[in-house]
C-alpha atoms as a PDB file:
ATOM      1  CA  MET A   1     -17.008  21.266   8.259  1.00  0.00           C
ATOM      2  CA  THR A   2     -17.416  20.363  11.866  1.00  0.00           C
ATOM      3  CA  GLU A   3     -16.132  22.724  14.802  1.00  0.00           C
ATOM      4  CA  PRO A   4     -13.137  20.197  15.568  1.00  0.00           C
ATOM      5  CA  GLN A   5     -12.180  20.152  12.089  1.00  0.00           C
ATOM      6  CA  SER A   6     -12.384  23.895  11.942  1.00  0.00           C
ATOM      7  CA  SER A   7     -10.155  24.186  14.903  1.00  0.00           C
ATOM      8  CA  ARG A   8      -7.778  21.921  13.355  1.00  0.00           C
ATOM      9  CA  HIS A   9      -7.861  23.863  10.090  1.00  0.00           C
ATOM     10  CA  ARG A  10      -6.833  26.894  12.292  1.00  0.00           C
ATOM     11  CA  GLU A  11      -4.056  25.213  13.865  1.00  0.00           C
ATOM     12  CA  LEU A  12      -2.849  24.141  10.379  1.00  0.00           C
ATOM     13  CA  ARG A  13      -3.023  27.758   9.036  1.00  0.00           C
ATOM     14  CA  ASP A  14      -1.064  28.876  12.098  1.00  0.00           C
ATOM     15  CA  PHE A  15       1.616  26.394  11.279  1.00  0.00           C
ATOM     16  CA  ALA A  16       1.751  27.461   7.701  1.00  0.00           C
ATOM     17  CA  SER A  17       1.795  31.143   8.341  1.00  0.00           C
ATOM     18  CA  ALA A  18       4.704  30.636  10.763  1.00  0.00           C
ATOM     19  CA  HIS A  19       6.779  29.688   7.572  1.00  0.00           C
ATOM     20  CA  PHE A  20       5.338  32.104   5.050  1.00  0.00           C
ATOM     21  CA  PRO A  21       5.780  35.324   7.124  1.00  0.00           C
ATOM     22  CA  GLN A  22       4.265  38.556   5.656  1.00  0.00           C
ATOM     23  CA  ARG A  23       2.967  36.594   2.461  1.00  0.00           C
ATOM     24  CA  GLU A  24      -0.516  35.794   1.447  1.00  0.00           C
ATOM     25  CA  PHE A  25      -1.184  32.273   0.914  1.00  0.00           C
ATOM     26  CA  ALA A  26      -4.003  29.902   0.063  1.00  0.00           C
ATOM     27  CA  ILE A  27      -4.536  26.354   1.440  1.00  0.00           C
ATOM     28  CA  ALA A  28      -6.379  23.710  -0.520  1.00  0.00           C
ATOM     29  CA  ALA A  29      -6.823  20.042  -0.024  1.00  0.00           C
ATOM     30  CA  ALA A  30      -4.250  17.934  -1.896  1.00  0.00           C
ATOM     31  CA  SER A  31      -5.046  14.411  -0.958  1.00  0.00           C
ATOM     32  CA  ALA A  32      -6.048  12.028   1.893  1.00  0.00           C
ATOM     33  CA  ASP A  33      -5.220   8.243   2.266  1.00  0.00           C
ATOM     34  CA  ALA A  34      -6.532   5.209   4.108  1.00  0.00           C
ATOM     35  CA  SER A  35      -5.264   6.537   7.392  1.00  0.00           C
ATOM     36  CA  PHE A  36      -6.192   9.612   9.351  1.00  0.00           C
ATOM     37  CA  ARG A  37      -3.574  11.796   7.768  1.00  0.00           C
ATOM     38  CA  SER A  38      -4.462  14.320   5.203  1.00  0.00           C
ATOM     39  CA  TYR A  39      -2.379  16.458   2.954  1.00  0.00           C
ATOM     40  CA  TRP A  40      -2.819  20.157   2.067  1.00  0.00           C
ATOM     41  CA  ARG A  41      -1.214  22.276  -0.622  1.00  0.00           C
ATOM     42  CA  VAL A  42      -0.127  25.723   0.577  1.00  0.00           C
ATOM     43  CA  ASP A  43       0.416  28.376  -2.355  1.00  0.00           C
ATOM     44  CA  ALA A  44       2.013  31.342  -1.507  1.00  0.00           C
ATOM     45  CA  GLY A  45       2.291  33.285  -4.771  1.00  0.00           C
ATOM     46  CA  GLY A  46       3.285  30.387  -6.900  1.00  0.00           C
ATOM     47  CA  GLN A  47       5.590  28.784  -4.421  1.00  0.00           C
ATOM     48  CA  THR A  48       3.858  25.634  -3.182  1.00  0.00           C
ATOM     49  CA  ARG A  49       4.448  23.335  -0.201  1.00  0.00           C
ATOM     50  CA  ILE A  50       2.666  20.327   1.140  1.00  0.00           C
ATOM     51  CA  VAL A  51       1.444  20.297   4.782  1.00  0.00           C
ATOM     52  CA  MET A  52       0.745  16.700   6.340  1.00  0.00           C
ATOM     53  CA  ASP A  53      -1.943  16.845   8.934  1.00  0.00           C
ATOM     54  CA  ALA A  54      -1.409  13.852  11.275  1.00  0.00           C
ATOM     55  CA  PRO A  55      -3.487  14.300  14.379  1.00  0.00           C
ATOM     56  CA  PRO A  56      -1.211  13.145  17.208  1.00  0.00           C
ATOM     57  CA  ASP A  57      -4.047  11.162  18.978  1.00  0.00           C
ATOM     58  CA  LYS A  58      -4.403   8.985  15.714  1.00  0.00           C
ATOM     59  CA  GLU A  59      -1.144   9.174  13.846  1.00  0.00           C
ATOM     60  CA  ASN A  60       2.473   9.334  14.843  1.00  0.00           C
ATOM     61  CA  ILE A  61       4.669  11.122  12.434  1.00  0.00           C
ATOM     62  CA  ALA A  62       8.053   9.964  13.857  1.00  0.00           C
ATOM     63  CA  PRO A  63       7.997   6.652  11.553  1.00  0.00           C
ATOM     64  CA  TRP A  64       7.464   8.821   8.539  1.00  0.00           C
ATOM     65  CA  LEU A  65      10.237  11.251   9.313  1.00  0.00           C
ATOM     66  CA  ALA A  66      12.642   8.470  10.196  1.00  0.00           C
ATOM     67  CA  ILE A  67      12.129   6.175   7.177  1.00  0.00           C
ATOM     68  CA  GLY A  68      11.669   9.154   4.721  1.00  0.00           C
ATOM     69  CA  ALA A  69      15.377  10.287   5.932  1.00  0.00           C
ATOM     70  CA  ARG A  70      16.582   6.821   5.677  1.00  0.00           C
ATOM     71  CA  LEU A  71      15.273   6.582   1.893  1.00  0.00           C
ATOM     72  CA  HIS A  72      16.673   9.943   1.175  1.00  0.00           C
ATOM     73  CA  ASP A  73      20.121   9.058   2.288  1.00  0.00           C
ATOM     74  CA  ALA A  74      20.015   5.934  -0.086  1.00  0.00           C
ATOM     75  CA  GLY A  75      19.395   8.446  -2.998  1.00  0.00           C
ATOM     76  CA  LEU A  76      15.688   7.871  -3.343  1.00  0.00           C
ATOM     77  CA  HIS A  77      13.473  10.900  -4.149  1.00  0.00           C
ATOM     78  CA  THR A  78      11.289  11.326  -1.052  1.00  0.00           C
ATOM     79  CA  PRO A  79       9.628  14.832  -0.161  1.00  0.00           C
ATOM     80  CA  GLN A  80      12.122  17.125   1.640  1.00  0.00           C
ATOM     81  CA  VAL A  81      11.184  18.229   4.980  1.00  0.00           C
ATOM     82  CA  PHE A  82      11.192  22.072   5.714  1.00  0.00           C
ATOM     83  CA  ALA A  83       9.460  22.161   9.237  1.00  0.00           C
ATOM     84  CA  VAL A  84       7.902  19.856  11.807  1.00  0.00           C
ATOM     85  CA  ASP A  85       5.635  20.363  14.570  1.00  0.00           C
ATOM     86  CA  HIS A  86       5.667  17.095  16.649  1.00  0.00           C
ATOM     87  CA  ALA A  87       3.222  18.266  19.297  1.00  0.00           C
ATOM     88  CA  ARG A  88       0.575  19.152  16.812  1.00  0.00           C
ATOM     89  CA  GLY A  89       1.438  16.697  14.249  1.00  0.00           C
ATOM     90  CA  PHE A  90       2.305  18.872  11.224  1.00  0.00           C
ATOM     91  CA  ILE A  91       4.960  18.596   8.676  1.00  0.00           C
ATOM     92  CA  LEU A  92       5.882  21.175   6.052  1.00  0.00           C
ATOM     93  CA  MET A  93       7.336  19.364   3.006  1.00  0.00           C
ATOM     94  CA  GLU A  94       8.135  19.616  -0.602  1.00  0.00           C
ATOM     95  CA  ASP A  95       5.408  19.603  -3.140  1.00  0.00           C
ATOM     96  CA  LEU A  96       5.855  16.520  -5.594  1.00  0.00           C
ATOM     97  CA  GLY A  97       3.043  17.701  -7.770  1.00  0.00           C
ATOM     98  CA  ASN A  98      -0.239  15.911  -8.724  1.00  0.00           C
ATOM     99  CA  ARG A  99       1.010  13.316 -11.160  1.00  0.00           C
ATOM    100  CA  THR A 100       0.904   9.869  -9.487  1.00  0.00           C
ATOM    101  CA  TYR A 101       1.661   6.830 -11.785  1.00  0.00           C
ATOM    102  CA  LEU A 102      -1.799   5.827 -11.765  1.00  0.00           C
ATOM    103  CA  PRO A 103      -3.364   7.972 -14.554  1.00  0.00           C
ATOM    104  CA  GLU A 104      -0.230   8.094 -16.380  1.00  0.00           C
ATOM    105  CA  LEU A 105       0.288   4.524 -16.953  1.00  0.00           C
ATOM    106  CA  ASN A 106      -0.737   3.017 -20.431  1.00  0.00           C
ATOM    107  CA  ASP A 107       0.419   0.509 -22.894  1.00  0.00           C
ATOM    108  CA  SER A 108       3.101   2.798 -24.324  1.00  0.00           C
ATOM    109  CA  SER A 109       4.323   4.464 -20.914  1.00  0.00           C
ATOM    110  CA  ALA A 110       4.498   1.366 -18.514  1.00  0.00           C
ATOM    111  CA  ASP A 111       7.917  -0.061 -19.513  1.00  0.00           C
ATOM    112  CA  ALA A 112       9.518   3.536 -18.853  1.00  0.00           C
ATOM    113  CA  LEU A 113       7.614   4.238 -15.760  1.00  0.00           C
ATOM    114  CA  TYR A 114       8.049   0.763 -14.373  1.00  0.00           C
ATOM    115  CA  GLY A 115      11.620   0.800 -15.328  1.00  0.00           C
ATOM    116  CA  ASP A 116      12.121   3.885 -12.905  1.00  0.00           C
ATOM    117  CA  ALA A 117      10.153   2.027 -10.222  1.00  0.00           C
ATOM    118  CA  PHE A 118      12.215  -1.029 -10.631  1.00  0.00           C
ATOM    119  CA  ASP A 119      15.443   1.089 -10.033  1.00  0.00           C
ATOM    120  CA  ALA A 120      13.974   2.622  -7.040  1.00  0.00           C
ATOM    121  CA  LEU A 121      12.984  -0.685  -5.608  1.00  0.00           C
ATOM    122  CA  LEU A 122      16.262  -2.268  -6.251  1.00  0.00           C
ATOM    123  CA  THR A 123      17.918   0.682  -4.407  1.00  0.00           C
ATOM    124  CA  MET A 124      15.368   0.079  -1.395  1.00  0.00           C
ATOM    125  CA  GLN A 125      16.193  -3.625  -1.462  1.00  0.00           C
ATOM    126  CA  THR A 126      20.018  -3.153  -1.732  1.00  0.00           C
ATOM    127  CA  ARG A 127      20.868   0.112  -0.127  1.00  0.00           C
ATOM    128  CA  VAL A 128      18.225   0.859   2.665  1.00  0.00           C
ATOM    129  CA  SER A 129      18.836  -0.786   5.861  1.00  0.00           C
ATOM    130  CA  PRO A 130      15.931  -2.564   7.389  1.00  0.00           C
ATOM    131  CA  ALA A 131      17.635  -2.492  10.808  1.00  0.00           C
ATOM    132  CA  ASP A 132      15.341  -1.682  13.691  1.00  0.00           C
ATOM    133  CA  LEU A 133      12.107  -1.875  11.547  1.00  0.00           C
ATOM    134  CA  PRO A 134       9.379  -4.070  12.698  1.00  0.00           C
ATOM    135  CA  GLN A 135       9.519  -7.576  11.461  1.00  0.00           C
ATOM    136  CA  PHE A 136       6.871  -8.765   8.906  1.00  0.00           C
ATOM    137  CA  ASP A 137       6.634 -11.903  11.044  1.00  0.00           C
ATOM    138  CA  GLN A 138       4.200 -14.751  11.283  1.00  0.00           C
ATOM    139  CA  ALA A 139       2.111 -12.628  13.769  1.00  0.00           C
ATOM    140  CA  LEU A 140       1.660  -9.621  11.423  1.00  0.00           C
ATOM    141  CA  LEU A 141       1.089 -11.631   8.418  1.00  0.00           C
ATOM    142  CA  ARG A 142      -1.707 -13.573  10.104  1.00  0.00           C
ATOM    143  CA  THR A 143      -3.305 -10.722  11.751  1.00  0.00           C
ATOM    144  CA  GLY A 144      -3.570  -8.900   8.209  1.00  0.00           C
ATOM    145  CA  MET A 145      -5.212 -12.178   6.687  1.00  0.00           C
ATOM    146  CA  GLU A 146      -7.827 -12.163   9.552  1.00  0.00           C
ATOM    147  CA  ASN A 147      -9.372  -9.240   7.779  1.00  0.00           C
ATOM    148  CA  LEU A 148     -10.619 -11.749   5.175  1.00  0.00           C
ATOM    149  CA  PRO A 149     -13.074 -13.824   7.422  1.00  0.00           C
ATOM    150  CA  GLU A 150     -13.919 -10.811   9.825  1.00  0.00           C
ATOM    151  CA  TRP A 151     -14.717  -8.001   7.171  1.00  0.00           C
ATOM    152  CA  PHE A 152     -14.919  -9.494   3.800  1.00  0.00           C
ATOM    153  CA  PHE A 153     -16.768 -12.736   4.676  1.00  0.00           C
ATOM    154  CA  ASP A 154     -18.914 -11.858   7.650  1.00  0.00           C
ATOM    155  CA  ARG A 155     -19.357  -8.020   7.555  1.00  0.00           C
ATOM    156  CA  HIS A 156     -19.414  -7.580   3.712  1.00  0.00           C
ATOM    157  CA  LEU A 157     -20.900 -10.909   2.353  1.00  0.00           C
ATOM    158  CA  GLY A 158     -22.853 -12.145   5.403  1.00  0.00           C
ATOM    159  CA  PHE A 159     -21.143 -15.427   5.034  1.00  0.00           C
ATOM    160  CA  VAL A 160     -19.981 -17.314   8.196  1.00  0.00           C
ATOM    161  CA  PRO A 161     -17.454 -19.919   7.383  1.00  0.00           C
ATOM    162  CA  ALA A 162     -18.379 -23.375   8.784  1.00  0.00           C
ATOM    163  CA  SER A 163     -15.656 -25.411  10.748  1.00  0.00           C
ATOM    164  CA  GLU A 164     -14.513 -27.416   7.675  1.00  0.00           C
ATOM    165  CA  ASP A 165     -14.249 -23.795   5.817  1.00  0.00           C
ATOM    166  CA  ARG A 166     -12.018 -22.600   8.709  1.00  0.00           C
ATOM    167  CA  THR A 167      -9.848 -25.609   8.195  1.00  0.00           C
ATOM    168  CA  VAL A 168      -9.238 -24.648   4.553  1.00  0.00           C
ATOM    169  CA  ILE A 169      -8.808 -20.979   5.665  1.00  0.00           C
ATOM    170  CA  GLU A 170      -6.228 -21.943   8.184  1.00  0.00           C
ATOM    171  CA  ALA A 171      -4.285 -24.232   5.705  1.00  0.00           C
ATOM    172  CA  ALA A 172      -4.039 -21.584   3.174  1.00  0.00           C
ATOM    173  CA  PHE A 173      -2.908 -18.945   5.629  1.00  0.00           C
ATOM    174  CA  ALA A 174      -0.202 -21.536   7.001  1.00  0.00           C
ATOM    175  CA  LEU A 175       1.066 -21.726   3.500  1.00  0.00           C
ATOM    176  CA  LEU A 176       1.099 -18.130   2.800  1.00  0.00           C
ATOM    177  CA  VAL A 177       2.987 -17.267   5.975  1.00  0.00           C
ATOM    178  CA  ALA A 178       5.682 -19.987   5.247  1.00  0.00           C
ATOM    179  CA  ASN A 179       6.041 -18.581   1.821  1.00  0.00           C
ATOM    180  CA  ALA A 180       6.515 -15.126   3.000  1.00  0.00           C
ATOM    181  CA  ARG A 181       9.061 -16.169   5.784  1.00  0.00           C
ATOM    182  CA  ALA A 182      11.097 -18.245   3.463  1.00  0.00           C
ATOM    183  CA  GLN A 183      12.098 -15.591   1.381  1.00  0.00           C
ATOM    184  CA  PRO A 184      15.152 -13.207   1.803  1.00  0.00           C
ATOM    185  CA  GLN A 185      14.060 -10.495   4.265  1.00  0.00           C
ATOM    186  CA  VAL A 186      14.750  -6.963   3.060  1.00  0.00           C
ATOM    187  CA  PHE A 187      13.364  -3.280   3.379  1.00  0.00           C
ATOM    188  CA  VAL A 188       9.711  -3.400   2.355  1.00  0.00           C
ATOM    189  CA  HIS A 189       7.853  -0.272   1.554  1.00  0.00           C
ATOM    190  CA  ARG A 190       4.572  -2.085   2.035  1.00  0.00           C
ATOM    191  CA  ASP A 191       2.502   0.176  -0.348  1.00  0.00           C
ATOM    192  CA  PHE A 192       4.646   0.402  -3.163  1.00  0.00           C
ATOM    193  CA  HIS A 193       2.006   1.124  -5.971  1.00  0.00           C
ATOM    194  CA  SER A 194       0.650   3.476  -8.503  1.00  0.00           C
ATOM    195  CA  ARG A 195      -1.002   5.745  -6.174  1.00  0.00           C
ATOM    196  CA  ASN A 196       2.190   6.065  -3.910  1.00  0.00           C
ATOM    197  CA  LEU A 197       4.602   6.813  -6.833  1.00  0.00           C
ATOM    198  CA  MET A 198       4.811  10.363  -8.255  1.00  0.00           C
ATOM    199  CA  ILE A 199       5.970  11.520 -11.664  1.00  0.00           C
ATOM    200  CA  VAL A 200       8.719  13.939 -10.941  1.00  0.00           C
ATOM    201  CA  ALA A 201      11.259  15.636 -13.189  1.00  0.00           C
ATOM    202  CA  ARG A 202      14.313  14.700 -11.080  1.00  0.00           C
ATOM    203  CA  ASP A 203      15.098  11.254  -9.845  1.00  0.00           C
ATOM    204  CA  ASN A 204      11.806   9.719 -10.938  1.00  0.00           C
ATOM    205  CA  PRO A 205       9.789   8.321  -9.090  1.00  0.00           C
ATOM    206  CA  GLY A 206       8.907  10.368  -6.088  1.00  0.00           C
ATOM    207  CA  VAL A 207       8.122   7.995  -3.327  1.00  0.00           C
ATOM    208  CA  ILE A 208       5.495   8.613  -0.740  1.00  0.00           C
ATOM    209  CA  ASP A 209       3.382   6.919   1.963  1.00  0.00           C
ATOM    210  CA  PHE A 210       6.334   4.862   3.220  1.00  0.00           C
ATOM    211  CA  GLN A 211       5.747   5.193   6.910  1.00  0.00           C
ATOM    212  CA  GLY A 212       4.564   1.538   7.225  1.00  0.00           C
ATOM    213  CA  ALA A 213       7.878   0.150   6.126  1.00  0.00           C
ATOM    214  CA  LEU A 214       8.919  -3.411   7.524  1.00  0.00           C
ATOM    215  CA  HIS A 215      11.563  -5.869   7.516  1.00  0.00           C
ATOM    216  CA  GLY A 216      10.004  -8.448   5.204  1.00  0.00           C
ATOM    217  CA  PRO A 217       9.753 -10.702   2.210  1.00  0.00           C
ATOM    218  CA  ILE A 218      11.653  -9.509  -0.994  1.00  0.00           C
ATOM    219  CA  ALA A 219       9.031 -10.160  -3.376  1.00  0.00           C
ATOM    220  CA  TYR A 220       6.390  -8.341  -1.326  1.00  0.00           C
ATOM    221  CA  ASP A 221       6.842  -4.825  -2.840  1.00  0.00           C
ATOM    222  CA  LEU A 222       7.169  -6.173  -6.537  1.00  0.00           C
ATOM    223  CA  ALA A 223       3.811  -7.866  -6.049  1.00  0.00           C
ATOM    224  CA  SER A 224       2.282  -4.667  -4.761  1.00  0.00           C
ATOM    225  CA  LEU A 225       3.552  -2.934  -7.911  1.00  0.00           C
ATOM    226  CA  LEU A 226       2.741  -5.462 -10.624  1.00  0.00           C
ATOM    227  CA  ARG A 227      -0.405  -6.765  -9.126  1.00  0.00           C
ATOM    228  CA  ASP A 228      -1.709  -3.402  -8.250  1.00  0.00           C
ATOM    229  CA  CYS A 229      -5.215  -3.098  -6.837  1.00  0.00           C
ATOM    230  CA  TYR A 230      -5.983   0.032  -8.989  1.00  0.00           C
ATOM    231  CA  ILE A 231      -4.597  -1.167 -12.393  1.00  0.00           C
ATOM    232  CA  ALA A 232      -4.051  -4.572 -14.002  1.00  0.00           C
ATOM    233  CA  TRP A 233      -1.660  -5.792 -16.773  1.00  0.00           C
ATOM    234  CA  PRO A 234      -1.835  -8.743 -19.270  1.00  0.00           C
ATOM    235  CA  GLY A 235      -0.207 -11.873 -17.697  1.00  0.00           C
ATOM    236  CA  GLU A 236       2.485 -12.162 -20.242  1.00  0.00           C
ATOM    237  CA  ARG A 237       3.610  -8.586 -19.467  1.00  0.00           C
ATOM    238  CA  VAL A 238       3.734  -9.186 -15.928  1.00  0.00           C
ATOM    239  CA  ASP A 239       5.809 -12.417 -16.506  1.00  0.00           C
ATOM    240  CA  ALA A 240       8.398 -10.554 -18.297  1.00  0.00           C
ATOM    241  CA  TRP A 241       8.677  -7.638 -15.845  1.00  0.00           C
ATOM    242  CA  VAL A 242       8.998 -10.416 -13.065  1.00  0.00           C
ATOM    243  CA  ARG A 243      11.649 -12.328 -14.825  1.00  0.00           C
ATOM    244  CA  GLY A 244      13.657  -9.073 -15.626  1.00  0.00           C
ATOM    245  CA  TYR A 245      13.624  -7.940 -12.034  1.00  0.00           C
ATOM    246  CA  HIS A 246      14.607 -11.315 -10.739  1.00  0.00           C
ATOM    247  CA  GLN A 247      17.591 -11.231 -13.139  1.00  0.00           C
ATOM    248  CA  ARG A 248      18.590  -7.976 -11.605  1.00  0.00           C
ATOM    249  CA  LEU A 249      18.427  -9.274  -8.224  1.00  0.00           C
ATOM    250  CA  ARG A 250      20.438 -12.262  -9.042  1.00  0.00           C
ATOM    251  CA  ALA A 251      23.016  -9.924 -10.526  1.00  0.00           C
ATOM    252  CA  ALA A 252      23.157  -7.775  -7.546  1.00  0.00           C
ATOM    253  CA  GLY A 253      23.766 -10.857  -5.334  1.00  0.00           C
ATOM    254  CA  VAL A 254      20.502 -10.386  -3.345  1.00  0.00           C
ATOM    255  CA  VAL A 255      18.871 -13.721  -4.215  1.00  0.00           C
ATOM    256  CA  ASP A 256      20.161 -16.999  -5.494  1.00  0.00           C
ATOM    257  CA  ALA A 257      16.851 -18.645  -6.065  1.00  0.00           C
ATOM    258  CA  ASP A 258      15.886 -19.645  -9.692  1.00  0.00           C
ATOM    259  CA  VAL A 259      13.196 -17.824 -11.502  1.00  0.00           C
ATOM    260  CA  VAL A 260      10.563 -20.594 -10.702  1.00  0.00           C
ATOM    261  CA  THR A 261      10.995 -20.175  -7.006  1.00  0.00           C
ATOM    262  CA  PHE A 262      10.990 -16.535  -7.331  1.00  0.00           C
ATOM    263  CA  ARG A 263       7.800 -16.561  -9.369  1.00  0.00           C
ATOM    264  CA  ARG A 264       6.191 -18.784  -6.474  1.00  0.00           C
ATOM    265  CA  TRP A 265       7.496 -16.121  -3.850  1.00  0.00           C
ATOM    266  CA  PHE A 266       5.863 -13.444  -5.993  1.00  0.00           C
ATOM    267  CA  ASP A 267       2.578 -15.278  -6.658  1.00  0.00           C
ATOM    268  CA  LEU A 268       1.947 -16.220  -2.857  1.00  0.00           C
ATOM    269  CA  VAL A 269       3.186 -13.144  -1.235  1.00  0.00           C
ATOM    270  CA  GLY A 270       0.830 -11.241  -3.543  1.00  0.00           C
ATOM    271  CA  LEU A 271      -1.963 -13.600  -2.450  1.00  0.00           C
ATOM    272  CA  GLN A 272      -1.229 -12.944   1.108  1.00  0.00           C
ATOM    273  CA  ARG A 273      -1.513  -9.124   0.466  1.00  0.00           C
ATOM    274  CA  HIS A 274      -4.604  -9.360  -1.457  1.00  0.00           C
ATOM    275  CA  THR A 275      -6.296 -11.644   0.948  1.00  0.00           C
ATOM    276  CA  ARG A 276      -5.522  -8.822   3.593  1.00  0.00           C
ATOM    277  CA  LEU A 277      -6.833  -6.083   1.283  1.00  0.00           C
ATOM    278  CA  LEU A 278     -10.147  -7.838   0.414  1.00  0.00           C
ATOM    279  CA  GLY A 279     -10.911  -7.479   4.069  1.00  0.00           C
ATOM    280  CA  GLN A 280      -9.063  -4.141   4.718  1.00  0.00           C
ATOM    281  CA  PHE A 281     -11.106  -2.356   2.046  1.00  0.00           C
ATOM    282  CA  CYS A 282     -14.311  -3.444   3.501  1.00  0.00           C
ATOM    283  CA  ARG A 283     -13.197  -2.252   6.856  1.00  0.00           C
ATOM    284  CA  LEU A 284     -12.455   1.141   5.500  1.00  0.00           C
ATOM    285  CA  ASN A 285     -16.048   1.267   4.313  1.00  0.00           C
ATOM    286  CA  TYR A 286     -17.788   0.083   7.296  1.00  0.00           C
ATOM    287  CA  ARG A 287     -15.662   1.220  10.180  1.00  0.00           C
ATOM    288  CA  ASP A 288     -13.999   4.281   8.764  1.00  0.00           C
ATOM    289  CA  GLY A 289     -16.629   5.597   6.326  1.00  0.00           C
ATOM    290  CA  LYS A 290     -14.512   5.342   3.209  1.00  0.00           C
ATOM    291  CA  PRO A 291     -16.904   3.836   0.519  1.00  0.00           C
ATOM    292  CA  GLY A 292     -14.691   4.517  -2.447  1.00  0.00           C
ATOM    293  CA  TYR A 293     -12.481   1.398  -1.535  1.00  0.00           C
ATOM    294  CA  LEU A 294     -15.361  -1.024  -2.227  1.00  0.00           C
ATOM    295  CA  ASN A 295     -14.675  -0.291  -6.051  1.00  0.00           C
ATOM    296  CA  ASP A 296     -11.359  -1.770  -5.681  1.00  0.00           C
ATOM    297  CA  LEU A 297     -12.674  -5.102  -4.519  1.00  0.00           C
ATOM    298  CA  PRO A 298     -13.177  -6.727  -7.911  1.00  0.00           C
ATOM    299  CA  LEU A 299      -9.736  -6.612  -9.113  1.00  0.00           C
ATOM    300  CA  THR A 300      -8.345  -7.436  -5.836  1.00  0.00           C
ATOM    301  CA  LEU A 301     -10.713 -10.465  -5.936  1.00  0.00           C
ATOM    302  CA  ARG A 302      -9.547 -11.274  -9.369  1.00  0.00           C
ATOM    303  CA  TYR A 303      -5.924 -11.517  -8.246  1.00  0.00           C
ATOM    304  CA  VAL A 304      -6.931 -13.735  -5.354  1.00  0.00           C
ATOM    305  CA  LEU A 305      -8.811 -16.297  -7.367  1.00  0.00           C
ATOM    306  CA  ASP A 306      -6.272 -16.202 -10.321  1.00  0.00           C
ATOM    307  CA  VAL A 307      -3.413 -17.157  -8.211  1.00  0.00           C
ATOM    308  CA  ALA A 308      -5.163 -19.477  -5.871  1.00  0.00           C
ATOM    309  CA  ARG A 309      -6.723 -21.325  -8.831  1.00  0.00           C
ATOM    310  CA  GLY A 310      -3.046 -21.731 -10.156  1.00  0.00           C
ATOM    311  CA  TYR A 311      -1.781 -23.673  -7.079  1.00  0.00           C
ATOM    312  CA  ARG A 312      -3.013 -27.248  -6.326  1.00  0.00           C
ATOM    313  CA  GLU A 313      -2.672 -26.755  -2.715  1.00  0.00           C
ATOM    314  CA  LEU A 314      -4.797 -23.653  -2.742  1.00  0.00           C
ATOM    315  CA  ALA A 315      -7.604 -24.907  -4.883  1.00  0.00           C
ATOM    316  CA  ALA A 316      -9.952 -25.437  -1.921  1.00  0.00           C
ATOM    317  CA  PHE A 317      -9.311 -22.038  -0.781  1.00  0.00           C
ATOM    318  CA  ALA A 318     -10.289 -20.656  -4.199  1.00  0.00           C
ATOM    319  CA  ALA A 319     -13.438 -22.674  -4.217  1.00  0.00           C
ATOM    320  CA  LEU A 320     -14.386 -21.503  -0.745  1.00  0.00           C
ATOM    321  CA  ILE A 321     -14.104 -17.827  -1.837  1.00  0.00           C
ATOM    322  CA  GLU A 322     -16.006 -18.265  -4.827  1.00  0.00           C
ATOM    323  CA  ARG A 323     -18.901 -20.007  -2.872  1.00  0.00           C
ATOM    324  CA  ALA A 324     -18.841 -17.092  -0.440  1.00  0.00           C
ATOM    325  CA  VAL A 325     -18.998 -14.560  -3.170  1.00  0.00           C
ATOM    326  CA  GLY A 326     -21.531 -16.208  -5.411  1.00  0.00           C
ATOM    327  CA  ASP A 327     -23.156 -13.906  -7.886  1.00  0.00           C
ATOM    328  CA  ARG A 328     -23.116 -10.933  -5.543  1.00  0.00           C
ATOM    329  CA  ASP A 329     -22.209  -7.198  -6.801  1.00  0.00           C
ATOM    330  CA  ILE A 330     -19.097  -7.029  -4.296  1.00  0.00           C
ATOM    331  CA  THR A 331     -18.900  -3.195  -4.918  1.00  0.00           C
ATOM    332  CA  ARG A 332     -22.197  -2.692  -3.002  1.00  0.00           C
ATOM    333  CA  ALA A 333     -22.273  -2.234   0.819  1.00  0.00           C
ATOM    334  CA  ARG A 334     -24.261  -4.655   2.626  1.00  0.00           C
ATOM    335  CA  VAL A 335     -26.813  -3.219   5.175  1.00  0.00           C
ATOM    336  CA  GLN A 336     -27.138  -5.245   8.256  1.00  0.00           C
ATOM    337  CA  GLU A 337     -30.583  -5.744   9.645  1.00  0.00           C
ATOM    338  CA  GLN A 338     -31.318  -4.192  12.946  1.00  0.00           C
ATOM    339  CA  PRO A 339     -32.522  -6.167  15.739  1.00  0.00           C
ATOM    340  CA  ALA A 340     -36.187  -5.783  16.492  1.00  0.00           C
END
């Protein structure tokens, strides 16, 4: 551990000790994510809490606090907050445990676990106000997808699109933006998937990593959940879940679109997300030193190609990506040649 990290760890211990006076406690790493935040479990004789460490020069804890309160007020199970140090970027919160959805999902558990997740999602989309949240607008949608040519094509594959390739990319991006903006706009968690849902005894699931919430397309979080970059399901099972959730949205008066339209929304907003993530996972490796995300590229690529091949207007986009990838092992980092 480098000295700045050691100094930061001492600050974290000081913060924790103020809330466990005259008690011995141990601190151990709980988890980290794709940002600069890290999470630490404080164990004081069997009573556990989590400390979020969000360095103020890199992370702003205000959105996490504000959105967490909004979700909690709607009846969702977000971590209860016990103490906050805004100046140093620490939050002491409820420990939701270690059981994320990801390792617990299987053929027999999926309907029950996703059933709880659908309940939570419907609550978010019907009872959580998106007022004052950033808009998932054209600029943000486009900026995210630019990760594909910059980080996946160029940096990871060494593929530079020709002018005619760029025309294909632009047409696909325009279609995906138009699809997202045509949908009813609601509260969007933005990372509603198996690593951010916790199995808890009360009001399952526990919902975490919500600080990036936006005001955006209604099918986005459903696509994040059912076309999860970390676990895949047979198409017929996804179809059944999408149809069932569409019926619930119709019954709640949130959408009046038919199921065919809703399925297109779901497919294409998922494609927008996965197009962004192909590049973002590469950026996390090359820029941020987090190579584990390269292992998530094959499933993400599969989602992209499966959807793009299924829509005539995206066939050229699918063919371009297939040509760029070729027979490469995309889980292996590309080493750039150094100039002589």
